């Protein structure tokens, strides 16, 4: 099972790898950064480690 790296949006390491291979960069990371900037990040609530 792939390691979950984004508890807010459910992305795994494998998702990021596929994204980079498909697009040449991570559009997933761009999406995460945009969502965090707009205040839609809930990592503190969803991530068991609180990060």
C-alpha atoms as a PDB file:
ATOM      1  CA  UNK A   1       0.000   0.000   0.000  1.00  0.00           C
ATOM      2  CA  UNK A   2       1.321   3.425  -0.948  1.00  0.00           C
ATOM      3  CA  UNK A   3       2.186   5.861   1.810  1.00  0.00           C
ATOM      4  CA  UNK A   4      -0.353   8.656   2.234  1.00  0.00           C
ATOM      5  CA  UNK A   5       1.400  12.011   2.047  1.00  0.00           C
ATOM      6  CA  UNK A   6      -1.593  14.360   2.039  1.00  0.00           C
ATOM      7  CA  UNK A   7      -4.294  13.640   4.563  1.00  0.00           C
ATOM      8  CA  UNK A   8      -6.370  16.634   3.444  1.00  0.00           C
ATOM      9  CA  UNK A   9      -6.733  15.555  -0.167  1.00  0.00           C
ATOM     10  CA  UNK A  10      -5.827  11.853   0.018  1.00  0.00           C
ATOM     11  CA  UNK A  11      -2.725  11.875  -2.197  1.00  0.00           C
ATOM     12  CA  UNK A  12      -0.105   9.126  -1.959  1.00  0.00           C
ATOM     13  CA  UNK A  13       3.562   8.930  -2.922  1.00  0.00           C
ATOM     14  CA  UNK A  14       2.512   6.885  -5.951  1.00  0.00           C
ATOM     15  CA  UNK A  15       0.065   9.622  -7.019  1.00  0.00           C
ATOM     16  CA  UNK A  16       2.883  12.186  -6.954  1.00  0.00           C
ATOM     17  CA  UNK A  17       5.220   9.923  -8.946  1.00  0.00           C
ATOM     18  CA  UNK A  18       2.573   9.304 -11.630  1.00  0.00           C
ATOM     19  CA  UNK A  19       1.766  13.020 -11.747  1.00  0.00           C
ATOM     20  CA  UNK A  20       5.410  13.977 -12.334  1.00  0.00           C
ATOM     21  CA  UNK A  21       5.840  11.280 -14.994  1.00  0.00           C
ATOM     22  CA  UNK A  22       2.677  12.401 -16.769  1.00  0.00           C
ATOM     23  CA  UNK A  23       3.169  16.180 -16.565  1.00  0.00           C
ATOM     24  CA  UNK A  24       6.894  16.675 -16.018  1.00  0.00           C
ATOM     25  CA  UNK A  25       6.152  18.311 -12.659  1.00  0.00           C
ATOM     26  CA  UNK A  26       3.681  17.774  -9.851  1.00  0.00           C
ATOM     27  CA  UNK A  27       0.356  19.418 -10.550  1.00  0.00           C
ATOM     28  CA  UNK A  28      -0.846  17.738  -7.357  1.00  0.00           C
ATOM     29  CA  UNK A  29       1.652  19.751  -5.321  1.00  0.00           C
ATOM     30  CA  UNK A  30       0.551  22.932  -7.098  1.00  0.00           C
ATOM     31  CA  UNK A  31      -3.053  22.092  -6.181  1.00  0.00           C
ATOM     32  CA  UNK A  32      -2.136  21.431  -2.544  1.00  0.00           C
ATOM     33  CA  UNK A  33      -0.209  24.723  -2.296  1.00  0.00           C
ATOM     34  CA  UNK A  34      -3.146  26.614  -3.826  1.00  0.00           C
ATOM     35  CA  UNK A  35      -5.654  25.007  -1.461  1.00  0.00           C
ATOM     36  CA  UNK A  36      -3.452  25.769   1.561  1.00  0.00           C
ATOM     37  CA  UNK A  37      -3.093  29.376   0.441  1.00  0.00           C
ATOM     38  CA  UNK A  38      -6.893  29.649   0.236  1.00  0.00           C
ATOM     39  CA  UNK A  39      -7.287  28.236   3.753  1.00  0.00           C
ATOM     40  CA  UNK A  40      -8.688  24.847   2.729  1.00  0.00           C
ATOM     41  CA  UNK A  41      -5.984  22.773   4.416  1.00  0.00           C
ATOM     42  CA  UNK A  42      -7.071  20.634   7.375  1.00  0.00           C
ATOM     43  CA  UNK A  43      -3.811  18.803   8.033  1.00  0.00           C
ATOM     44  CA  UNK A  44      -3.876  19.602  11.729  1.00  0.00           C
ATOM     45  CA  UNK A  45      -7.248  17.847  12.061  1.00  0.00           C
ATOM     46  CA  UNK A  46      -6.767  14.976   9.591  1.00  0.00           C
ATOM     47  CA  UNK A  47      -3.099  14.033   9.982  1.00  0.00           C
ATOM     48  CA  UNK A  48      -2.578  11.753  12.979  1.00  0.00           C
ATOM     49  CA  UNK A  49       0.763  13.448  13.731  1.00  0.00           C
ATOM     50  CA  UNK A  50      -0.849  16.904  13.621  1.00  0.00           C
ATOM     51  CA  UNK A  51       1.291  18.226  10.744  1.00  0.00           C
END
